[in-house]
Amino acid sequence: PLPAGPKEPTLFEKVEGLLGVQRTFVARCFECNGRREVGRNATSTICPLCGAYIDLQDYKIVGSYSRSIRTRGSLVITPKGDLNSNRAICETAEIQGHMRGSLICATILRVKLRGKLSGSLESKHVIIDKKSEVELVRPLRGELIEVEGMMSGRILSSGKVVVKKGGVLRGTVNAKSFLVDRGGEFSGELTIGQPTMVQGDLLKATRD
């Protein structure tokens, strides 16, 4: 018998192809430089290089939660959520509620909060949402930090800090580049250069 030909894609799959919908993504290992392509709905995988377990689950905090988190998925702290974890590592995150401990985000972190935030935050890209009125107790670290709402605290950026139109930033900023758009406001101390850290502020960077 002749071998079966390639399976004809369904109408849904054809539409996804036309729209450029990605059905897979690349999961990065926490322990080494291993990468594995997995399905969009996968909840875990194994590193092809070292065999380490990689969690891909999304976490939504709706109450008090005190366990450690280490995932390549997303983390959302709802307005009634309270994350009290010594160390939480994720791919993307959104903070609407309380957070204590340390949060390290690999790509994008969005803060949508009115009130005081006592935890330490670190991400490649940080967005202070335009509806936020947040006071950060500990330093905020990031490569690109955009302030669209109101924020007070200390920023340590290895790249650029931008205060957007309507944004208000009060505090201390140490960054390589600093920009205030027309309609933005900044008051405080500004240092342009390599961010300096004191011992109590040091956090281990997320491994690629």
N, C-alpha and C. Protein backbone atom coordinates (compact mmCIF):
# COMPACT_ATOMS: atom_id res chain seq x y z
N PRO A 1 0.84 -1.22 0.00
CA PRO A 1 0.00 0.00 0.00
C PRO A 1 0.86 1.25 0.00
N LEU A 2 0.37 2.31 -0.63
CA LEU A 2 1.09 3.58 -0.66
C LEU A 2 1.02 4.25 0.71
N PRO A 3 2.10 4.94 1.10
CA PRO A 3 2.05 5.66 2.39
C PRO A 3 1.02 6.78 2.34
N ALA A 4 0.41 7.01 3.50
CA ALA A 4 -0.61 8.07 3.59
C ALA A 4 0.04 9.43 3.38
N GLY A 5 -0.65 10.30 2.69
CA GLY A 5 -0.14 11.64 2.45
C GLY A 5 -0.32 12.52 3.68
N PRO A 6 0.21 13.74 3.62
CA PRO A 6 0.08 14.64 4.76
C PRO A 6 -1.37 14.97 5.06
N LYS A 7 -1.68 15.08 6.36
CA LYS A 7 -3.04 15.34 6.80
C LYS A 7 -3.47 16.74 6.38
N GLU A 8 -4.67 16.83 5.80
CA GLU A 8 -5.19 18.12 5.38
C GLU A 8 -5.53 18.96 6.62
N PRO A 9 -5.00 20.21 6.72
CA PRO A 9 -5.29 21.03 7.90
C PRO A 9 -6.77 21.38 7.97
N THR A 10 -7.26 21.47 9.19
CA THR A 10 -8.66 21.85 9.40
C THR A 10 -8.85 23.33 9.08
N LEU A 11 -10.13 23.74 8.97
CA LEU A 11 -10.43 25.13 8.68
C LEU A 11 -9.91 26.04 9.79
N PHE A 12 -10.04 25.57 11.04
CA PHE A 12 -9.56 26.36 12.17
C PHE A 12 -8.06 26.56 12.10
N GLU A 13 -7.34 25.48 11.75
CA GLU A 13 -5.89 25.57 11.65
C GLU A 13 -5.47 26.49 10.49
N LYS A 14 -6.23 26.48 9.41
CA LYS A 14 -5.95 27.38 8.28
C LYS A 14 -6.12 28.84 8.70
N VAL A 15 -7.19 29.11 9.45
CA VAL A 15 -7.43 30.48 9.93
C VAL A 15 -6.32 30.93 10.85
N GLU A 16 -5.90 30.02 11.77
CA GLU A 16 -4.79 30.35 12.67
C GLU A 16 -3.54 30.67 11.88
N GLY A 17 -3.28 29.90 10.82
CA GLY A 17 -2.10 30.14 9.99
C GLY A 17 -2.15 31.49 9.31
N LEU A 18 -3.35 31.87 8.81
CA LEU A 18 -3.49 33.16 8.15
C LEU A 18 -3.30 34.31 9.13
N LEU A 19 -3.75 34.11 10.37
CA LEU A 19 -3.64 35.16 11.40
C LEU A 19 -2.28 35.16 12.08
N GLY A 20 -1.45 34.19 11.77
CA GLY A 20 -0.12 34.13 12.38
C GLY A 20 -0.14 33.71 13.83
N VAL A 21 -1.15 32.92 14.24
CA VAL A 21 -1.25 32.47 15.63
C VAL A 21 -0.17 31.43 15.91
N GLN A 22 0.60 31.64 16.96
CA GLN A 22 1.66 30.71 17.32
C GLN A 22 1.09 29.60 18.21
N ARG A 23 1.28 28.36 17.79
CA ARG A 23 0.79 27.22 18.55
C ARG A 23 1.86 26.67 19.48
N THR A 24 3.09 27.16 19.34
CA THR A 24 4.20 26.70 20.19
C THR A 24 5.00 27.90 20.69
N PHE A 25 5.81 27.68 21.71
CA PHE A 25 6.74 28.69 22.19
C PHE A 25 7.97 27.97 22.74
N VAL A 26 9.04 28.72 22.96
CA VAL A 26 10.29 28.15 23.42
C VAL A 26 10.40 28.33 24.93
N ALA A 27 10.51 27.23 25.65
CA ALA A 27 10.67 27.26 27.11
C ALA A 27 12.15 27.22 27.45
N ARG A 28 12.58 28.10 28.35
CA ARG A 28 13.98 28.18 28.74
C ARG A 28 14.19 27.53 30.11
N CYS A 29 15.28 26.79 30.22
CA CYS A 29 15.60 26.09 31.46
C CYS A 29 16.08 27.08 32.52
N PHE A 30 15.74 26.80 33.79
CA PHE A 30 16.20 27.63 34.90
C PHE A 30 17.63 27.29 35.31
N GLU A 31 18.08 26.07 35.00
CA GLU A 31 19.36 25.59 35.48
C GLU A 31 20.50 25.77 34.49
N CYS A 32 20.20 25.75 33.18
CA CYS A 32 21.25 25.85 32.17
C CYS A 32 20.72 26.67 30.99
N ASN A 33 21.38 26.59 29.86
CA ASN A 33 20.96 27.34 28.67
C ASN A 33 20.06 26.52 27.75
N GLY A 34 19.53 25.43 28.26
CA GLY A 34 18.68 24.58 27.44
C GLY A 34 17.37 25.25 27.07
N ARG A 35 16.92 24.97 25.84
CA ARG A 35 15.65 25.50 25.35
C ARG A 35 14.88 24.39 24.66
N ARG A 36 13.58 24.39 24.82
CA ARG A 36 12.74 23.36 24.18
C ARG A 36 11.46 24.00 23.67
N GLU A 37 11.12 23.66 22.43
CA GLU A 37 9.87 24.14 21.85
C GLU A 37 8.72 23.25 22.32
N VAL A 38 7.70 23.87 22.88
CA VAL A 38 6.57 23.11 23.44
C VAL A 38 5.27 23.72 22.94
N GLY A 39 4.19 22.95 23.08
CA GLY A 39 2.88 23.44 22.70
C GLY A 39 2.39 24.54 23.61
N ARG A 40 1.55 25.41 23.06
CA ARG A 40 1.07 26.57 23.82
C ARG A 40 0.31 26.15 25.07
N ASN A 41 -0.32 24.99 25.08
CA ASN A 41 -1.12 24.55 26.23
C ASN A 41 -0.35 23.67 27.19
N ALA A 42 0.93 23.48 26.97
CA ALA A 42 1.72 22.62 27.86
C ALA A 42 1.85 23.26 29.24
N THR A 43 1.86 22.42 30.29
CA THR A 43 1.99 22.92 31.66
C THR A 43 3.36 22.62 32.26
N SER A 44 4.14 21.79 31.59
CA SER A 44 5.49 21.50 32.06
C SER A 44 6.28 20.83 30.94
N THR A 45 7.61 20.76 31.09
CA THR A 45 8.46 20.06 30.15
C THR A 45 9.79 19.74 30.83
N ILE A 46 10.66 19.06 30.11
CA ILE A 46 11.96 18.68 30.63
C ILE A 46 13.05 19.31 29.76
N CYS A 47 14.08 19.86 30.38
CA CYS A 47 15.17 20.47 29.63
C CYS A 47 15.89 19.40 28.80
N PRO A 48 16.13 19.66 27.51
CA PRO A 48 16.81 18.66 26.67
C PRO A 48 18.29 18.52 26.98
N LEU A 49 18.87 19.49 27.69
CA LEU A 49 20.30 19.44 27.98
C LEU A 49 20.62 18.82 29.33
N CYS A 50 19.96 19.28 30.38
CA CYS A 50 20.30 18.80 31.72
C CYS A 50 19.21 17.95 32.36
N GLY A 51 18.04 17.88 31.73
CA GLY A 51 16.97 17.05 32.26
C GLY A 51 16.19 17.67 33.40
N ALA A 52 16.40 18.96 33.67
CA ALA A 52 15.69 19.62 34.77
C ALA A 52 14.22 19.85 34.42
N TYR A 53 13.38 19.85 35.43
CA TYR A 53 11.95 20.09 35.27
C TYR A 53 11.70 21.59 35.05
N ILE A 54 10.85 21.93 34.09
CA ILE A 54 10.49 23.32 33.80
C ILE A 54 8.99 23.47 33.95
N ASP A 55 8.58 24.24 34.92
CA ASP A 55 7.16 24.52 35.15
C ASP A 55 6.71 25.58 34.16
N LEU A 56 5.57 25.34 33.50
CA LEU A 56 5.03 26.29 32.52
C LEU A 56 3.64 26.78 32.91
N GLN A 57 3.22 26.49 34.13
CA GLN A 57 1.87 26.85 34.56
C GLN A 57 1.73 28.35 34.81
N ASP A 58 0.52 28.84 34.62
CA ASP A 58 0.17 30.21 34.98
C ASP A 58 -0.37 30.21 36.40
N TYR A 59 -0.03 31.23 37.18
CA TYR A 59 -0.46 31.33 38.57
C TYR A 59 -1.33 32.58 38.74
N LYS A 60 -2.49 32.39 39.37
CA LYS A 60 -3.38 33.50 39.67
C LYS A 60 -3.62 33.50 41.17
N ILE A 61 -3.12 34.53 41.86
CA ILE A 61 -3.21 34.62 43.31
C ILE A 61 -4.47 35.39 43.69
N VAL A 62 -5.43 34.70 44.31
CA VAL A 62 -6.71 35.33 44.67
C VAL A 62 -6.87 35.48 46.18
N GLY A 63 -5.94 34.90 46.96
CA GLY A 63 -5.99 35.01 48.41
C GLY A 63 -4.57 35.05 48.95
N SER A 64 -4.37 34.57 50.16
CA SER A 64 -3.03 34.54 50.75
C SER A 64 -2.27 33.33 50.20
N TYR A 65 -1.05 33.56 49.73
CA TYR A 65 -0.22 32.49 49.15
C TYR A 65 1.21 32.73 49.58
N SER A 66 1.83 31.71 50.19
CA SER A 66 3.17 31.90 50.77
C SER A 66 4.21 30.92 50.22
N ARG A 67 3.86 30.11 49.23
CA ARG A 67 4.82 29.17 48.67
C ARG A 67 5.68 29.82 47.58
N SER A 68 6.86 29.26 47.35
CA SER A 68 7.74 29.77 46.30
C SER A 68 7.17 29.42 44.93
N ILE A 69 7.46 30.29 43.95
CA ILE A 69 6.98 30.08 42.58
C ILE A 69 8.17 30.19 41.64
N ARG A 70 8.28 29.22 40.73
CA ARG A 70 9.30 29.28 39.69
C ARG A 70 8.71 28.69 38.42
N THR A 71 8.26 29.55 37.54
CA THR A 71 7.56 29.10 36.34
C THR A 71 7.94 29.96 35.13
N ARG A 72 7.81 29.38 33.95
CA ARG A 72 7.96 30.14 32.71
C ARG A 72 6.60 30.61 32.21
N GLY A 73 5.59 30.50 33.05
CA GLY A 73 4.26 31.00 32.74
C GLY A 73 4.07 32.39 33.31
N SER A 74 2.83 32.80 33.41
CA SER A 74 2.51 34.14 33.91
C SER A 74 2.07 34.08 35.36
N LEU A 75 2.19 35.22 36.04
CA LEU A 75 1.77 35.37 37.44
C LEU A 75 0.89 36.60 37.55
N VAL A 76 -0.31 36.42 38.08
CA VAL A 76 -1.23 37.54 38.28
C VAL A 76 -1.64 37.56 39.75
N ILE A 77 -1.41 38.69 40.39
CA ILE A 77 -1.86 38.89 41.77
C ILE A 77 -3.09 39.78 41.71
N THR A 78 -4.25 39.21 42.00
CA THR A 78 -5.51 39.95 41.90
C THR A 78 -5.62 40.98 43.03
N PRO A 79 -6.60 41.89 42.94
CA PRO A 79 -6.74 42.92 43.99
C PRO A 79 -6.88 42.36 45.40
N LYS A 80 -7.45 41.16 45.55
CA LYS A 80 -7.60 40.54 46.86
C LYS A 80 -6.48 39.55 47.16
N GLY A 81 -5.53 39.42 46.24
CA GLY A 81 -4.44 38.48 46.43
C GLY A 81 -3.34 39.04 47.31
N ASP A 82 -2.62 38.14 47.98
CA ASP A 82 -1.52 38.53 48.86
C ASP A 82 -0.43 37.47 48.72
N LEU A 83 0.62 37.81 47.96
CA LEU A 83 1.73 36.89 47.74
C LEU A 83 2.84 37.20 48.72
N ASN A 84 3.12 36.23 49.60
CA ASN A 84 4.17 36.39 50.60
C ASN A 84 5.20 35.29 50.39
N SER A 85 5.91 35.38 49.27
CA SER A 85 6.88 34.36 48.89
C SER A 85 8.28 34.94 48.95
N ASN A 86 9.21 34.17 49.53
CA ASN A 86 10.59 34.64 49.59
C ASN A 86 11.17 34.87 48.20
N ARG A 87 10.72 34.07 47.24
CA ARG A 87 11.25 34.19 45.88
C ARG A 87 10.22 33.69 44.88
N ALA A 88 9.78 34.57 44.00
CA ALA A 88 8.85 34.20 42.94
C ALA A 88 9.49 34.58 41.60
N ILE A 89 9.59 33.59 40.71
CA ILE A 89 10.19 33.81 39.40
C ILE A 89 9.16 33.42 38.34
N CYS A 90 8.98 34.28 37.34
CA CYS A 90 8.00 34.01 36.30
C CYS A 90 8.42 34.67 35.00
N GLU A 91 7.66 34.40 33.94
CA GLU A 91 7.96 34.98 32.63
C GLU A 91 7.34 36.37 32.51
N THR A 92 6.04 36.48 32.81
CA THR A 92 5.34 37.77 32.81
C THR A 92 4.55 37.87 34.11
N ALA A 93 4.25 39.10 34.53
CA ALA A 93 3.51 39.28 35.79
C ALA A 93 2.68 40.55 35.76
N GLU A 94 1.62 40.52 36.55
CA GLU A 94 0.78 41.70 36.75
C GLU A 94 0.42 41.76 38.23
N ILE A 95 0.67 42.90 38.85
CA ILE A 95 0.42 43.07 40.29
C ILE A 95 -0.73 44.04 40.48
N GLN A 96 -1.82 43.51 41.07
CA GLN A 96 -2.97 44.35 41.41
C GLN A 96 -3.22 44.34 42.91
N GLY A 97 -2.59 43.39 43.62
CA GLY A 97 -2.79 43.26 45.06
C GLY A 97 -1.49 43.39 45.83
N HIS A 98 -1.46 42.79 47.03
CA HIS A 98 -0.30 42.90 47.91
C HIS A 98 0.78 41.89 47.52
N MET A 99 2.03 42.28 47.71
CA MET A 99 3.15 41.39 47.41
C MET A 99 4.29 41.69 48.35
N ARG A 100 4.78 40.62 49.02
CA ARG A 100 5.95 40.73 49.88
C ARG A 100 6.98 39.71 49.42
N GLY A 101 8.22 39.88 49.83
CA GLY A 101 9.28 39.01 49.33
C GLY A 101 9.88 39.60 48.06
N SER A 102 10.36 38.73 47.15
CA SER A 102 11.00 39.20 45.93
C SER A 102 10.33 38.56 44.72
N LEU A 103 10.16 39.36 43.68
CA LEU A 103 9.57 38.91 42.43
C LEU A 103 10.53 39.24 41.29
N ILE A 104 10.91 38.22 40.53
CA ILE A 104 11.80 38.39 39.39
C ILE A 104 11.06 37.93 38.15
N CYS A 105 10.89 38.84 37.21
CA CYS A 105 10.12 38.57 36.00
C CYS A 105 11.06 38.65 34.80
N ALA A 106 10.98 37.67 33.89
CA ALA A 106 11.92 37.59 32.77
C ALA A 106 11.64 38.59 31.67
N THR A 107 10.37 38.93 31.44
CA THR A 107 10.04 39.79 30.30
C THR A 107 9.31 41.07 30.72
N ILE A 108 8.01 40.98 30.97
CA ILE A 108 7.21 42.18 31.24
C ILE A 108 6.51 42.08 32.59
N LEU A 109 6.65 43.13 33.38
CA LEU A 109 5.95 43.24 34.67
C LEU A 109 5.11 44.50 34.64
N ARG A 110 3.81 44.35 34.90
CA ARG A 110 2.90 45.50 34.94
C ARG A 110 2.38 45.67 36.36
N VAL A 111 2.48 46.89 36.89
CA VAL A 111 1.99 47.19 38.23
C VAL A 111 0.72 48.02 38.11
N LYS A 112 -0.40 47.48 38.63
CA LYS A 112 -1.70 48.17 38.60
C LYS A 112 -2.22 48.18 40.03
N LEU A 113 -1.69 49.11 40.84
CA LEU A 113 -1.96 49.07 42.28
C LEU A 113 -2.07 50.48 42.83
N ARG A 114 -2.98 50.66 43.77
CA ARG A 114 -3.09 51.89 44.55
C ARG A 114 -2.74 51.57 45.99
N GLY A 115 -1.57 52.04 46.44
CA GLY A 115 -1.16 51.75 47.81
C GLY A 115 0.32 51.48 47.90
N LYS A 116 0.73 50.88 49.02
CA LYS A 116 2.14 50.62 49.28
C LYS A 116 2.48 49.18 48.91
N LEU A 117 3.65 49.00 48.29
CA LEU A 117 4.13 47.69 47.89
C LEU A 117 5.46 47.45 48.58
N SER A 118 5.51 46.45 49.47
CA SER A 118 6.70 46.23 50.28
C SER A 118 7.68 45.24 49.66
N GLY A 119 7.28 44.51 48.64
CA GLY A 119 8.17 43.53 48.01
C GLY A 119 9.16 44.18 47.06
N SER A 120 10.22 43.41 46.72
CA SER A 120 11.21 43.90 45.75
C SER A 120 10.84 43.37 44.36
N LEU A 121 11.01 44.21 43.34
CA LEU A 121 10.60 43.88 41.99
C LEU A 121 11.78 44.00 41.03
N GLU A 122 11.85 43.05 40.10
CA GLU A 122 12.89 43.08 39.08
C GLU A 122 12.34 42.47 37.80
N SER A 123 12.52 43.17 36.67
CA SER A 123 12.05 42.66 35.40
C SER A 123 12.79 43.36 34.26
N LYS A 124 12.82 42.71 33.10
CA LYS A 124 13.45 43.33 31.94
C LYS A 124 12.68 44.59 31.54
N HIS A 125 11.36 44.52 31.56
CA HIS A 125 10.50 45.65 31.19
C HIS A 125 9.44 45.83 32.27
N VAL A 126 9.37 47.01 32.85
CA VAL A 126 8.40 47.30 33.91
C VAL A 126 7.50 48.44 33.46
N ILE A 127 6.19 48.27 33.64
CA ILE A 127 5.22 49.30 33.31
C ILE A 127 4.42 49.63 34.56
N ILE A 128 4.48 50.89 34.99
CA ILE A 128 3.63 51.37 36.08
C ILE A 128 2.36 51.89 35.42
N ASP A 129 1.27 51.16 35.57
CA ASP A 129 0.03 51.46 34.85
C ASP A 129 -0.50 52.85 35.17
N LYS A 130 -1.20 53.42 34.19
CA LYS A 130 -1.69 54.80 34.35
C LYS A 130 -2.71 54.95 35.47
N LYS A 131 -3.30 53.83 35.92
CA LYS A 131 -4.26 53.90 37.03
C LYS A 131 -3.60 53.65 38.38
N SER A 132 -2.29 53.49 38.38
CA SER A 132 -1.58 53.18 39.62
C SER A 132 -1.23 54.44 40.41
N GLU A 133 -1.24 54.29 41.73
CA GLU A 133 -0.71 55.28 42.67
C GLU A 133 0.04 54.47 43.71
N VAL A 134 1.27 54.09 43.37
CA VAL A 134 1.99 53.10 44.17
C VAL A 134 3.22 53.69 44.83
N GLU A 135 3.45 53.26 46.06
CA GLU A 135 4.66 53.62 46.80
C GLU A 135 5.48 52.35 46.99
N LEU A 136 6.70 52.34 46.44
CA LEU A 136 7.57 51.18 46.54
C LEU A 136 8.52 51.34 47.71
N VAL A 137 8.49 50.37 48.61
CA VAL A 137 9.35 50.41 49.79
C VAL A 137 10.78 50.01 49.43
N ARG A 138 10.94 49.03 48.55
CA ARG A 138 12.25 48.55 48.14
C ARG A 138 12.55 48.97 46.70
N PRO A 139 13.82 48.96 46.29
CA PRO A 139 14.18 49.44 44.95
C PRO A 139 13.54 48.61 43.84
N LEU A 140 13.21 49.29 42.77
CA LEU A 140 12.68 48.66 41.57
C LEU A 140 13.81 48.55 40.55
N ARG A 141 14.06 47.32 40.07
CA ARG A 141 15.15 47.09 39.12
C ARG A 141 14.59 46.67 37.77
N GLY A 142 15.18 47.21 36.69
CA GLY A 142 14.73 46.82 35.36
C GLY A 142 15.61 47.42 34.30
N GLU A 143 15.43 46.92 33.07
CA GLU A 143 16.17 47.45 31.93
C GLU A 143 15.44 48.62 31.31
N LEU A 144 14.13 48.46 31.10
CA LEU A 144 13.27 49.54 30.61
C LEU A 144 12.12 49.71 31.59
N ILE A 145 11.99 50.91 32.14
CA ILE A 145 10.93 51.19 33.12
C ILE A 145 10.12 52.38 32.61
N GLU A 146 8.81 52.15 32.44
CA GLU A 146 7.90 53.18 31.94
C GLU A 146 6.88 53.52 33.02
N VAL A 147 6.80 54.80 33.35
CA VAL A 147 5.88 55.26 34.39
C VAL A 147 4.74 56.00 33.71
N GLU A 148 3.56 55.37 33.72
CA GLU A 148 2.37 55.98 33.11
C GLU A 148 1.44 56.56 34.17
N GLY A 149 1.54 56.05 35.42
CA GLY A 149 0.70 56.54 36.51
C GLY A 149 1.53 57.30 37.53
N MET A 150 1.20 57.15 38.81
CA MET A 150 1.92 57.82 39.88
C MET A 150 2.75 56.80 40.65
N MET A 151 4.02 57.13 40.89
CA MET A 151 4.91 56.22 41.60
C MET A 151 5.89 57.00 42.44
N SER A 152 6.18 56.48 43.62
CA SER A 152 7.24 57.03 44.46
C SER A 152 8.12 55.89 44.92
N GLY A 153 9.43 56.12 44.93
CA GLY A 153 10.36 55.08 45.34
C GLY A 153 11.71 55.25 44.67
N ARG A 154 12.49 54.19 44.70
CA ARG A 154 13.84 54.20 44.15
C ARG A 154 13.91 53.27 42.94
N ILE A 155 14.49 53.78 41.85
CA ILE A 155 14.62 53.00 40.61
C ILE A 155 16.09 52.80 40.28
N LEU A 156 16.45 51.56 39.97
CA LEU A 156 17.78 51.21 39.49
C LEU A 156 17.61 50.55 38.13
N SER A 157 17.98 51.27 37.08
CA SER A 157 17.77 50.78 35.72
C SER A 157 19.09 50.62 34.99
N SER A 158 19.26 49.45 34.33
CA SER A 158 20.44 49.23 33.51
C SER A 158 20.25 49.78 32.11
N GLY A 159 19.07 50.37 31.84
CA GLY A 159 18.79 50.94 30.53
C GLY A 159 18.11 52.30 30.64
N LYS A 160 16.83 52.35 30.30
CA LYS A 160 16.12 53.63 30.20
C LYS A 160 14.93 53.68 31.16
N VAL A 161 14.71 54.87 31.71
CA VAL A 161 13.51 55.17 32.50
C VAL A 161 12.74 56.26 31.77
N VAL A 162 11.46 56.04 31.52
CA VAL A 162 10.63 56.99 30.79
C VAL A 162 9.41 57.34 31.63
N VAL A 163 9.18 58.64 31.85
CA VAL A 163 7.96 59.11 32.50
C VAL A 163 7.02 59.57 31.39
N LYS A 164 5.95 58.83 31.18
CA LYS A 164 5.02 59.09 30.09
C LYS A 164 4.12 60.30 30.38
N LYS A 165 3.40 60.74 29.36
CA LYS A 165 2.44 61.83 29.51
C LYS A 165 1.41 61.45 30.58
N GLY A 166 1.24 62.31 31.58
CA GLY A 166 0.32 62.03 32.67
C GLY A 166 0.96 61.27 33.82
N GLY A 167 2.18 60.79 33.63
CA GLY A 167 2.87 60.05 34.67
C GLY A 167 3.55 60.97 35.67
N VAL A 168 3.65 60.52 36.92
CA VAL A 168 4.29 61.28 37.99
C VAL A 168 5.26 60.35 38.72
N LEU A 169 6.51 60.75 38.78
CA LEU A 169 7.54 59.95 39.44
C LEU A 169 8.24 60.79 40.49
N ARG A 170 8.24 60.30 41.72
CA ARG A 170 8.92 60.98 42.81
C ARG A 170 9.86 60.00 43.50
N GLY A 171 11.12 60.42 43.68
CA GLY A 171 12.07 59.54 44.35
C GLY A 171 13.46 59.66 43.78
N THR A 172 14.20 58.55 43.82
CA THR A 172 15.59 58.51 43.38
C THR A 172 15.70 57.59 42.17
N VAL A 173 16.37 58.10 41.13
CA VAL A 173 16.52 57.33 39.90
C VAL A 173 18.00 57.23 39.54
N ASN A 174 18.46 56.02 39.29
CA ASN A 174 19.80 55.76 38.78
C ASN A 174 19.64 54.95 37.51
N ALA A 175 19.96 55.55 36.35
CA ALA A 175 19.73 54.89 35.07
C ALA A 175 20.75 55.35 34.05
N LYS A 176 20.87 54.58 32.96
CA LYS A 176 21.75 54.98 31.87
C LYS A 176 21.12 56.08 31.03
N SER A 177 19.77 56.08 30.95
CA SER A 177 19.05 57.06 30.15
C SER A 177 17.77 57.42 30.87
N PHE A 178 17.37 58.69 30.78
CA PHE A 178 16.18 59.17 31.47
C PHE A 178 15.43 60.15 30.58
N LEU A 179 14.11 59.96 30.48
CA LEU A 179 13.30 60.81 29.60
C LEU A 179 11.97 61.11 30.26
N VAL A 180 11.57 62.38 30.21
CA VAL A 180 10.25 62.80 30.69
C VAL A 180 9.48 63.35 29.50
N ASP A 181 8.40 62.67 29.11
CA ASP A 181 7.59 63.13 28.00
C ASP A 181 6.85 64.42 28.38
N ARG A 182 6.41 65.15 27.35
CA ARG A 182 5.60 66.33 27.59
C ARG A 182 4.32 65.92 28.34
N GLY A 183 4.07 66.58 29.46
CA GLY A 183 2.92 66.23 30.29
C GLY A 183 3.27 65.30 31.44
N GLY A 184 4.53 64.83 31.48
CA GLY A 184 4.99 64.00 32.60
C GLY A 184 5.63 64.86 33.67
N GLU A 185 5.86 64.27 34.85
CA GLU A 185 6.41 65.04 35.98
C GLU A 185 7.40 64.18 36.77
N PHE A 186 8.54 64.76 37.10
CA PHE A 186 9.53 64.07 37.92
C PHE A 186 10.07 65.03 38.97
N SER A 187 10.19 64.53 40.20
CA SER A 187 10.82 65.30 41.27
C SER A 187 11.62 64.33 42.13
N GLY A 188 12.87 64.70 42.39
CA GLY A 188 13.72 63.83 43.19
C GLY A 188 15.16 63.94 42.78
N GLU A 189 15.92 62.88 43.00
CA GLU A 189 17.34 62.84 42.70
C GLU A 189 17.59 61.94 41.51
N LEU A 190 18.36 62.44 40.55
CA LEU A 190 18.63 61.70 39.31
C LEU A 190 20.13 61.53 39.12
N THR A 191 20.54 60.27 38.84
CA THR A 191 21.93 59.96 38.53
C THR A 191 21.97 59.18 37.23
N ILE A 192 22.72 59.69 36.26
CA ILE A 192 22.87 59.01 34.98
C ILE A 192 24.18 58.24 34.99
N GLY A 193 24.11 56.93 34.78
CA GLY A 193 25.30 56.08 34.82
C GLY A 193 24.93 54.67 35.20
N GLN A 194 25.92 53.86 35.50
CA GLN A 194 25.68 52.47 35.88
C GLN A 194 25.06 52.43 37.27
N PRO A 195 23.92 51.73 37.43
CA PRO A 195 23.29 51.65 38.75
C PRO A 195 24.22 51.04 39.80
N THR A 196 24.20 51.62 40.98
CA THR A 196 25.01 51.10 42.08
C THR A 196 24.09 50.42 43.08
N MET A 197 24.54 49.33 43.67
CA MET A 197 23.73 48.56 44.60
C MET A 197 24.42 48.47 45.95
N VAL A 198 23.62 48.51 47.00
CA VAL A 198 24.15 48.23 48.32
C VAL A 198 23.83 46.79 48.65
N GLN A 199 24.47 46.22 49.66
CA GLN A 199 24.36 44.79 49.93
C GLN A 199 22.92 44.35 50.15
N GLY A 200 22.13 45.15 50.82
CA GLY A 200 20.75 44.76 51.10
C GLY A 200 19.84 44.75 49.91
N ASP A 201 20.29 45.36 48.80
CA ASP A 201 19.44 45.46 47.61
C ASP A 201 19.75 44.37 46.58
N LEU A 202 20.83 43.62 46.79
CA LEU A 202 21.27 42.71 45.76
C LEU A 202 20.28 41.56 45.55
N LEU A 203 19.99 41.30 44.28
CA LEU A 203 19.15 40.18 43.89
C LEU A 203 19.85 39.42 42.78
N LYS A 204 19.75 38.11 42.79
CA LYS A 204 20.35 37.33 41.72
C LYS A 204 19.50 37.49 40.46
N ALA A 205 20.16 37.73 39.36
CA ALA A 205 19.44 37.91 38.09
C ALA A 205 18.89 36.56 37.61
N THR A 206 17.79 36.62 36.87
CA THR A 206 17.21 35.41 36.31
C THR A 206 18.13 34.83 35.27
N ARG A 207 18.35 33.51 35.33
CA ARG A 207 19.18 32.85 34.34
C ARG A 207 18.44 32.73 33.02
N ASP A 208 19.13 32.96 31.93
CA ASP A 208 18.52 32.80 30.61
C ASP A 208 18.38 31.33 30.28
